[in-house]
């Protein structure tokens, strides 16, 4: 999911939504239907992918990172207690 690293995921989402709106506007205003339909399909996919990434994937990754950190902290505490009880 780390395909576009030059701009933030939220900016990507807005960029792809804007591109989709321009594609739809182009379909309404011009007679170039085939390229516009293909462009609309591609930008729809990119818009949905970016929105899913911003709303679901990134918060889950953040939560997983926090849980892994908490798990490591608890493991260290358990190891310290086990070492103290061995003496």
PDB file of N, CA and C in Angstrom:
ATOM      1  N   UNK A   1       0.800  -1.201   0.000  1.00  0.00           N
ATOM      2  CA  UNK A   1       0.000   0.000   0.000  1.00  0.00           C
ATOM      3  C   UNK A   1       0.846   1.270   0.000  1.00  0.00           C
ATOM      4  N   UNK A   2       2.138   1.146   0.042  1.00  0.00           N
ATOM      5  CA  UNK A   2       2.999   2.327   0.039  1.00  0.00           C
ATOM      6  C   UNK A   2       3.440   2.644  -1.382  1.00  0.00           C
ATOM      7  N   UNK A   3       2.503   2.902  -2.257  1.00  0.00           N
ATOM      8  CA  UNK A   3       2.845   3.122  -3.650  1.00  0.00           C
ATOM      9  C   UNK A   3       3.254   4.554  -3.916  1.00  0.00           C
ATOM     10  N   UNK A   4       2.506   5.511  -3.407  1.00  0.00           N
ATOM     11  CA  UNK A   4       2.739   6.923  -3.701  1.00  0.00           C
ATOM     12  C   UNK A   4       3.299   7.595  -2.461  1.00  0.00           C
ATOM     13  N   UNK A   5       4.603   7.721  -2.397  1.00  0.00           N
ATOM     14  CA  UNK A   5       5.231   8.251  -1.193  1.00  0.00           C
ATOM     15  C   UNK A   5       5.495   9.746  -1.259  1.00  0.00           C
ATOM     16  N   UNK A   6       5.255  10.373  -2.417  1.00  0.00           N
ATOM     17  CA  UNK A   6       5.586  11.789  -2.569  1.00  0.00           C
ATOM     18  C   UNK A   6       4.604  12.691  -1.820  1.00  0.00           C
ATOM     19  N   UNK A   7       3.325  12.295  -1.711  1.00  0.00           N
ATOM     20  CA  UNK A   7       2.332  13.102  -0.998  1.00  0.00           C
ATOM     21  C   UNK A   7       1.632  12.227   0.029  1.00  0.00           C
ATOM     22  N   UNK A   8       1.012  12.880   0.988  1.00  0.00           N
ATOM     23  CA  UNK A   8       0.375  12.149   2.084  1.00  0.00           C
ATOM     24  C   UNK A   8      -0.850  11.383   1.576  1.00  0.00           C
ATOM     25  N   UNK A   9      -1.249  10.333   2.286  1.00  0.00           N
ATOM     26  CA  UNK A   9      -2.422   9.559   1.867  1.00  0.00           C
ATOM     27  C   UNK A   9      -3.704  10.390   1.810  1.00  0.00           C
ATOM     28  N   UNK A  10      -3.852  11.335   2.725  1.00  0.00           N
ATOM     29  CA  UNK A  10      -5.047  12.178   2.706  1.00  0.00           C
ATOM     30  C   UNK A  10      -5.058  13.089   1.478  1.00  0.00           C
ATOM     31  N   UNK A  11      -3.885  13.622   1.134  1.00  0.00           N
ATOM     32  CA  UNK A  11      -3.785  14.451  -0.075  1.00  0.00           C
ATOM     33  C   UNK A  11      -4.035  13.619  -1.326  1.00  0.00           C
ATOM     34  N   UNK A  12      -3.561  12.372  -1.319  1.00  0.00           N
ATOM     35  CA  UNK A  12      -3.830  11.479  -2.437  1.00  0.00           C
ATOM     36  C   UNK A  12      -5.322  11.255  -2.606  1.00  0.00           C
ATOM     37  N   UNK A  13      -6.018  11.062  -1.491  1.00  0.00           N
ATOM     38  CA  UNK A  13      -7.456  10.825  -1.557  1.00  0.00           C
ATOM     39  C   UNK A  13      -8.153  12.013  -2.221  1.00  0.00           C
ATOM     40  N   UNK A  14      -7.807  13.230  -1.793  1.00  0.00           N
ATOM     41  CA  UNK A  14      -8.444  14.410  -2.384  1.00  0.00           C
ATOM     42  C   UNK A  14      -8.044  14.592  -3.840  1.00  0.00           C
ATOM     43  N   UNK A  15      -6.802  14.289  -4.174  1.00  0.00           N
ATOM     44  CA  UNK A  15      -6.346  14.393  -5.555  1.00  0.00           C
ATOM     45  C   UNK A  15      -7.119  13.428  -6.464  1.00  0.00           C
ATOM     46  N   UNK A  16      -7.290  12.195  -6.025  1.00  0.00           N
ATOM     47  CA  UNK A  16      -7.993  11.214  -6.847  1.00  0.00           C
ATOM     48  C   UNK A  16      -9.485  11.532  -6.951  1.00  0.00           C
ATOM     49  N   UNK A  17     -10.070  12.055  -5.884  1.00  0.00           N
ATOM     50  CA  UNK A  17     -11.473  12.467  -5.965  1.00  0.00           C
ATOM     51  C   UNK A  17     -11.643  13.638  -6.941  1.00  0.00           C
ATOM     52  N   UNK A  18     -10.692  14.567  -6.912  1.00  0.00           N
ATOM     53  CA  UNK A  18     -10.735  15.694  -7.838  1.00  0.00           C
ATOM     54  C   UNK A  18     -10.574  15.210  -9.279  1.00  0.00           C
ATOM     55  N   UNK A  19      -9.668  14.257  -9.492  1.00  0.00           N
ATOM     56  CA  UNK A  19      -9.470  13.697 -10.835  1.00  0.00           C
ATOM     57  C   UNK A  19     -10.735  12.984 -11.317  1.00  0.00           C
ATOM     58  N   UNK A  20     -11.415  12.296 -10.424  1.00  0.00           N
ATOM     59  CA  UNK A  20     -12.670  11.631 -10.792  1.00  0.00           C
ATOM     60  C   UNK A  20     -13.723  12.658 -11.185  1.00  0.00           C
ATOM     61  N   UNK A  21     -13.810  13.738 -10.428  1.00  0.00           N
ATOM     62  CA  UNK A  21     -14.778  14.788 -10.761  1.00  0.00           C
ATOM     63  C   UNK A  21     -14.449  15.408 -12.122  1.00  0.00           C
ATOM     64  N   UNK A  22     -13.170  15.623 -12.404  1.00  0.00           N
ATOM     65  CA  UNK A  22     -12.779  16.158 -13.707  1.00  0.00           C
ATOM     66  C   UNK A  22     -13.097  15.178 -14.834  1.00  0.00           C
ATOM     67  N   UNK A  23     -12.903  13.890 -14.578  1.00  0.00           N
ATOM     68  CA  UNK A  23     -13.253  12.889 -15.591  1.00  0.00           C
ATOM     69  C   UNK A  23     -14.742  12.892 -15.883  1.00  0.00           C
ATOM     70  N   UNK A  24     -15.546  12.949 -14.857  1.00  0.00           N
ATOM     71  CA  UNK A  24     -16.999  12.962 -15.057  1.00  0.00           C
ATOM     72  C   UNK A  24     -17.422  14.238 -15.776  1.00  0.00           C
ATOM     73  N   UNK A  25     -16.823  15.347 -15.394  1.00  0.00           N
ATOM     74  CA  UNK A  25     -17.105  16.608 -16.076  1.00  0.00           C
ATOM     75  C   UNK A  25     -16.690  16.532 -17.551  1.00  0.00           C
ATOM     76  N   UNK A  26     -15.547  15.919 -17.804  1.00  0.00           N
ATOM     77  CA  UNK A  26     -15.096  15.743 -19.178  1.00  0.00           C
ATOM     78  C   UNK A  26     -16.027  14.848 -19.979  1.00  0.00           C
ATOM     79  N   UNK A  27     -16.595  13.831 -19.341  1.00  0.00           N
ATOM     80  CA  UNK A  27     -17.553  12.966 -20.035  1.00  0.00           C
ATOM     81  C   UNK A  27     -18.803  13.737 -20.413  1.00  0.00           C
ATOM     82  N   UNK A  28     -19.223  14.647 -19.547  1.00  0.00           N
ATOM     83  CA  UNK A  28     -20.432  15.430 -19.813  1.00  0.00           C
ATOM     84  C   UNK A  28     -20.186  16.451 -20.926  1.00  0.00           C
ATOM     85  N   UNK A  29     -19.016  17.066 -20.915  1.00  0.00           N
ATOM     86  CA  UNK A  29     -18.765  18.190 -21.816  1.00  0.00           C
ATOM     87  C   UNK A  29     -18.164  17.816 -23.165  1.00  0.00           C
ATOM     88  N   UNK A  30     -17.600  16.631 -23.310  1.00  0.00           N
ATOM     89  CA  UNK A  30     -16.942  16.282 -24.566  1.00  0.00           C
ATOM     90  C   UNK A  30     -17.559  15.043 -25.187  1.00  0.00           C
ATOM     91  N   UNK A  31     -17.118  14.750 -26.407  1.00  0.00           N
ATOM     92  CA  UNK A  31     -17.576  13.558 -27.105  1.00  0.00           C
ATOM     93  C   UNK A  31     -16.559  12.426 -27.041  1.00  0.00           C
ATOM     94  N   UNK A  32     -15.540  12.558 -26.218  1.00  0.00           N
ATOM     95  CA  UNK A  32     -14.494  11.534 -26.107  1.00  0.00           C
ATOM     96  C   UNK A  32     -14.896  10.517 -25.036  1.00  0.00           C
ATOM     97  N   UNK A  33     -15.890   9.700 -25.322  1.00  0.00           N
ATOM     98  CA  UNK A  33     -16.444   8.820 -24.315  1.00  0.00           C
ATOM     99  C   UNK A  33     -15.520   7.700 -23.902  1.00  0.00           C
ATOM    100  N   UNK A  34     -14.896   7.035 -24.854  1.00  0.00           N
ATOM    101  CA  UNK A  34     -14.080   5.861 -24.512  1.00  0.00           C
ATOM    102  C   UNK A  34     -12.917   6.229 -23.589  1.00  0.00           C
ATOM    103  N   UNK A  35     -12.090   7.233 -23.919  1.00  0.00           N
ATOM    104  CA  UNK A  35     -11.007   7.566 -22.980  1.00  0.00           C
ATOM    105  C   UNK A  35     -11.520   8.077 -21.637  1.00  0.00           C
ATOM    106  N   UNK A  36     -12.625   8.800 -21.663  1.00  0.00           N
ATOM    107  CA  UNK A  36     -13.165   9.333 -20.411  1.00  0.00           C
ATOM    108  C   UNK A  36     -13.729   8.220 -19.532  1.00  0.00           C
ATOM    109  N   UNK A  37     -14.368   7.238 -20.127  1.00  0.00           N
ATOM    110  CA  UNK A  37     -14.902   6.120 -19.335  1.00  0.00           C
ATOM    111  C   UNK A  37     -13.761   5.324 -18.726  1.00  0.00           C
ATOM    112  N   UNK A  38     -12.725   5.075 -19.521  1.00  0.00           N
ATOM    113  CA  UNK A  38     -11.560   4.365 -18.987  1.00  0.00           C
ATOM    114  C   UNK A  38     -10.923   5.178 -17.859  1.00  0.00           C
ATOM    115  N   UNK A  39     -10.767   6.468 -18.061  1.00  0.00           N
ATOM    116  CA  UNK A  39     -10.212   7.326 -17.013  1.00  0.00           C
ATOM    117  C   UNK A  39     -11.078   7.357 -15.769  1.00  0.00           C
ATOM    118  N   UNK A  40     -12.395   7.372 -15.961  1.00  0.00           N
ATOM    119  CA  UNK A  40     -13.309   7.369 -14.815  1.00  0.00           C
ATOM    120  C   UNK A  40     -13.214   6.070 -14.042  1.00  0.00           C
ATOM    121  N   UNK A  41     -13.073   4.955 -14.745  1.00  0.00           N
ATOM    122  CA  UNK A  41     -12.939   3.661 -14.058  1.00  0.00           C
ATOM    123  C   UNK A  41     -11.645   3.624 -13.253  1.00  0.00           C
ATOM    124  N   UNK A  42     -10.566   4.081 -13.851  1.00  0.00           N
ATOM    125  CA  UNK A  42      -9.269   4.081 -13.160  1.00  0.00           C
ATOM    126  C   UNK A  42      -9.294   5.018 -11.957  1.00  0.00           C
ATOM    127  N   UNK A  43      -9.808   6.234 -12.135  1.00  0.00           N
ATOM    128  CA  UNK A  43      -9.816   7.178 -11.008  1.00  0.00           C
ATOM    129  C   UNK A  43     -10.818   6.758  -9.933  1.00  0.00           C
ATOM    130  N   UNK A  44     -11.878   6.053 -10.312  1.00  0.00           N
ATOM    131  CA  UNK A  44     -12.792   5.518  -9.292  1.00  0.00           C
ATOM    132  C   UNK A  44     -12.072   4.502  -8.425  1.00  0.00           C
ATOM    133  N   UNK A  45     -11.318   3.597  -9.071  1.00  0.00           N
ATOM    134  CA  UNK A  45     -10.550   2.617  -8.310  1.00  0.00           C
ATOM    135  C   UNK A  45      -9.543   3.314  -7.391  1.00  0.00           C
ATOM    136  N   UNK A  46      -8.807   4.288  -7.925  1.00  0.00           N
ATOM    137  CA  UNK A  46      -7.813   4.986  -7.113  1.00  0.00           C
ATOM    138  C   UNK A  46      -8.459   5.753  -5.966  1.00  0.00           C
ATOM    139  N   UNK A  47      -9.620   6.361  -6.209  1.00  0.00           N
ATOM    140  CA  UNK A  47     -10.324   7.103  -5.156  1.00  0.00           C
ATOM    141  C   UNK A  47     -10.772   6.174  -4.036  1.00  0.00           C
ATOM    142  N   UNK A  48     -11.348   5.040  -4.412  1.00  0.00           N
ATOM    143  CA  UNK A  48     -11.822   4.093  -3.396  1.00  0.00           C
ATOM    144  C   UNK A  48     -10.643   3.506  -2.627  1.00  0.00           C
ATOM    145  N   UNK A  49      -9.564   3.165  -3.347  1.00  0.00           N
ATOM    146  CA  UNK A  49      -8.381   2.613  -2.701  1.00  0.00           C
ATOM    147  C   UNK A  49      -7.786   3.604  -1.703  1.00  0.00           C
ATOM    148  N   UNK A  50      -7.679   4.861  -2.101  1.00  0.00           N
ATOM    149  CA  UNK A  50      -7.119   5.882  -1.204  1.00  0.00           C
ATOM    150  C   UNK A  50      -8.031   6.120  -0.008  1.00  0.00           C
ATOM    151  N   UNK A  51      -9.354   6.113  -0.232  1.00  0.00           N
ATOM    152  CA  UNK A  51     -10.282   6.345   0.875  1.00  0.00           C
ATOM    153  C   UNK A  51     -10.237   5.194   1.884  1.00  0.00           C
ATOM    154  N   UNK A  52     -10.177   3.973   1.400  1.00  0.00           N
ATOM    155  CA  UNK A  52     -10.078   2.813   2.295  1.00  0.00           C
ATOM    156  C   UNK A  52      -8.782   2.873   3.084  1.00  0.00           C
ATOM    157  N   UNK A  53      -7.695   3.260   2.403  1.00  0.00           N
ATOM    158  CA  UNK A  53      -6.410   3.352   3.089  1.00  0.00           C
ATOM    159  C   UNK A  53      -6.438   4.392   4.193  1.00  0.00           C
ATOM    160  N   UNK A  54      -7.027   5.561   3.923  1.00  0.00           N
ATOM    161  CA  UNK A  54      -7.046   6.643   4.918  1.00  0.00           C
ATOM    162  C   UNK A  54      -7.982   6.304   6.071  1.00  0.00           C
ATOM    163  N   UNK A  55      -9.146   5.741   5.768  1.00  0.00           N
ATOM    164  CA  UNK A  55     -10.141   5.522   6.822  1.00  0.00           C
ATOM    165  C   UNK A  55      -9.940   4.249   7.621  1.00  0.00           C
ATOM    166  N   UNK A  56      -9.348   3.208   7.013  1.00  0.00           N
ATOM    167  CA  UNK A  56      -9.286   1.920   7.690  1.00  0.00           C
ATOM    168  C   UNK A  56      -7.874   1.391   7.887  1.00  0.00           C
ATOM    169  N   UNK A  57      -7.071   1.360   6.837  1.00  0.00           N
ATOM    170  CA  UNK A  57      -5.773   0.697   6.913  1.00  0.00           C
ATOM    171  C   UNK A  57      -4.801   1.456   7.803  1.00  0.00           C
ATOM    172  N   UNK A  58      -4.666   2.759   7.608  1.00  0.00           N
ATOM    173  CA  UNK A  58      -3.707   3.525   8.407  1.00  0.00           C
ATOM    174  C   UNK A  58      -4.058   3.545   9.895  1.00  0.00           C
ATOM    175  N   UNK A  59      -5.349   3.722  10.290  1.00  0.00           N
ATOM    176  CA  UNK A  59      -5.650   3.634  11.725  1.00  0.00           C
ATOM    177  C   UNK A  59      -5.382   2.246  12.312  1.00  0.00           C
ATOM    178  N   UNK A  60      -5.620   1.194  11.520  1.00  0.00           N
ATOM    179  CA  UNK A  60      -5.343  -0.156  12.011  1.00  0.00           C
ATOM    180  C   UNK A  60      -3.844  -0.350  12.195  1.00  0.00           C
ATOM    181  N   UNK A  61      -3.040   0.145  11.248  1.00  0.00           N
ATOM    182  CA  UNK A  61      -1.588   0.044  11.381  1.00  0.00           C
ATOM    183  C   UNK A  61      -1.104   0.775  12.631  1.00  0.00           C
ATOM    184  N   UNK A  62      -1.683   1.955  12.882  1.00  0.00           N
ATOM    185  CA  UNK A  62      -1.292   2.719  14.067  1.00  0.00           C
ATOM    186  C   UNK A  62      -1.661   1.964  15.340  1.00  0.00           C
ATOM    187  N   UNK A  63      -2.854   1.395  15.372  1.00  0.00           N
ATOM    188  CA  UNK A  63      -3.281   0.630  16.545  1.00  0.00           C
ATOM    189  C   UNK A  63      -2.406  -0.606  16.745  1.00  0.00           C
ATOM    190  N   UNK A  64      -2.047  -1.272  15.661  1.00  0.00           N
ATOM    191  CA  UNK A  64      -1.176  -2.450  15.760  1.00  0.00           C
ATOM    192  C   UNK A  64       0.199  -2.064  16.304  1.00  0.00           C
ATOM    193  N   UNK A  65       0.734  -0.934  15.833  1.00  0.00           N
ATOM    194  CA  UNK A  65       2.026  -0.468  16.333  1.00  0.00           C
ATOM    195  C   UNK A  65       1.954  -0.206  17.834  1.00  0.00           C
ATOM    196  N   UNK A  66       0.875   0.428  18.292  1.00  0.00           N
ATOM    197  CA  UNK A  66       0.715   0.713  19.722  1.00  0.00           C
ATOM    198  C   UNK A  66       0.583  -0.576  20.524  1.00  0.00           C
ATOM    199  N   UNK A  67      -0.169  -1.541  19.995  1.00  0.00           N
ATOM    200  CA  UNK A  67      -0.316  -2.820  20.698  1.00  0.00           C
ATOM    201  C   UNK A  67       1.002  -3.585  20.764  1.00  0.00           C
ATOM    202  N   UNK A  68       1.782  -3.559  19.690  1.00  0.00           N
ATOM    203  CA  UNK A  68       3.084  -4.226  19.705  1.00  0.00           C
ATOM    204  C   UNK A  68       4.011  -3.580  20.725  1.00  0.00           C
ATOM    205  N   UNK A  69       3.964  -2.245  20.813  1.00  0.00           N
ATOM    206  CA  UNK A  69       4.793  -1.547  21.805  1.00  0.00           C
ATOM    207  C   UNK A  69       4.356  -1.915  23.225  1.00  0.00           C
ATOM    208  N   UNK A  70       3.053  -1.947  23.451  1.00  0.00           N
ATOM    209  CA  UNK A  70       2.539  -2.323  24.771  1.00  0.00           C
ATOM    210  C   UNK A  70       2.893  -3.767  25.099  1.00  0.00           C
ATOM    211  N   UNK A  71       2.813  -4.653  24.111  1.00  0.00           N
ATOM    212  CA  UNK A  71       3.157  -6.053  24.316  1.00  0.00           C
ATOM    213  C   UNK A  71       4.630  -6.192  24.678  1.00  0.00           C
ATOM    214  N   UNK A  72       5.497  -5.467  23.991  1.00  0.00           N
ATOM    215  CA  UNK A  72       6.927  -5.520  24.297  1.00  0.00           C
ATOM    216  C   UNK A  72       7.202  -5.008  25.706  1.00  0.00           C
ATOM    217  N   UNK A  73       6.520  -3.953  26.106  1.00  0.00           N
ATOM    218  CA  UNK A  73       6.693  -3.409  27.457  1.00  0.00           C
ATOM    219  C   UNK A  73       6.255  -4.421  28.511  1.00  0.00           C
ATOM    220  N   UNK A  74       5.119  -5.064  28.293  1.00  0.00           N
ATOM    221  CA  UNK A  74       4.631  -6.065  29.250  1.00  0.00           C
ATOM    222  C   UNK A  74       5.547  -7.287  29.303  1.00  0.00           C
ATOM    223  N   UNK A  75       6.085  -7.696  28.167  1.00  0.00           N
ATOM    224  CA  UNK A  75       7.025  -8.830  28.166  1.00  0.00           C
ATOM    225  C   UNK A  75       8.281  -8.493  28.965  1.00  0.00           C
ATOM    226  N   UNK A  76       8.773  -7.250  28.817  1.00  0.00           N
ATOM    227  CA  UNK A  76       9.942  -6.851  29.596  1.00  0.00           C
ATOM    228  C   UNK A  76       9.634  -6.883  31.091  1.00  0.00           C
ATOM    229  N   UNK A  77       8.459  -6.415  31.478  1.00  0.00           N
ATOM    230  CA  UNK A  77       8.088  -6.420  32.892  1.00  0.00           C
ATOM    231  C   UNK A  77       7.975  -7.849  33.422  1.00  0.00           C
ATOM    232  N   UNK A  78       7.379  -8.737  32.631  1.00  0.00           N
ATOM    233  CA  UNK A  78       7.250 -10.144  33.059  1.00  0.00           C
ATOM    234  C   UNK A  78       8.627 -10.774  33.207  1.00  0.00           C
ATOM    235  N   UNK A  79       9.531 -10.508  32.247  1.00  0.00           N
ATOM    236  CA  UNK A  79      10.890 -11.053  32.347  1.00  0.00           C
ATOM    237  C   UNK A  79      11.616 -10.515  33.571  1.00  0.00           C
ATOM    238  N   UNK A  80      11.427  -9.228  33.884  1.00  0.00           N
ATOM    239  CA  UNK A  80      12.053  -8.653  35.078  1.00  0.00           C
ATOM    240  C   UNK A  80      11.521  -9.313  36.339  1.00  0.00           C
ATOM    241  N   UNK A  81      10.217  -9.560  36.398  1.00  0.00           N
ATOM    242  CA  UNK A  81       9.622 -10.203  37.572  1.00  0.00           C
ATOM    243  C   UNK A  81      10.105 -11.636  37.699  1.00  0.00           C
ATOM    244  N   UNK A  82      10.193 -12.363  36.570  1.00  0.00           N
ATOM    245  CA  UNK A  82      10.684 -13.741  36.610  1.00  0.00           C
ATOM    246  C   UNK A  82      12.145 -13.789  37.069  1.00  0.00           C
ATOM    247  N   UNK A  83      12.958 -12.857  36.606  1.00  0.00           N
ATOM    248  CA  UNK A  83      14.352 -12.832  37.021  1.00  0.00           C
ATOM    249  C   UNK A  83      14.470 -12.485  38.493  1.00  0.00           C
ATOM    250  N   UNK A  84      13.631 -11.600  38.983  1.00  0.00           N
ATOM    251  CA  UNK A  84      13.684 -11.224  40.401  1.00  0.00           C
ATOM    252  C   UNK A  84      13.225 -12.387  41.278  1.00  0.00           C
ATOM    253  N   UNK A  85      12.262 -13.180  40.806  1.00  0.00           N
ATOM    254  CA  UNK A  85      11.788 -14.289  41.631  1.00  0.00           C
ATOM    255  C   UNK A  85      12.743 -15.468  41.608  1.00  0.00           C
ATOM    256  N   UNK A  86      13.644 -15.551  40.632  1.00  0.00           N
ATOM    257  CA  UNK A  86      14.633 -16.629  40.583  1.00  0.00           C
ATOM    258  C   UNK A  86      15.661 -16.499  41.689  1.00  0.00           C
ATOM    259  N   UNK A  87      15.916 -15.288  42.160  1.00  0.00           N
ATOM    260  CA  UNK A  87      16.921 -15.092  43.204  1.00  0.00           C
ATOM    261  C   UNK A  87      16.349 -15.386  44.497  1.00  0.00           C
TER     262      UNK A  87
END
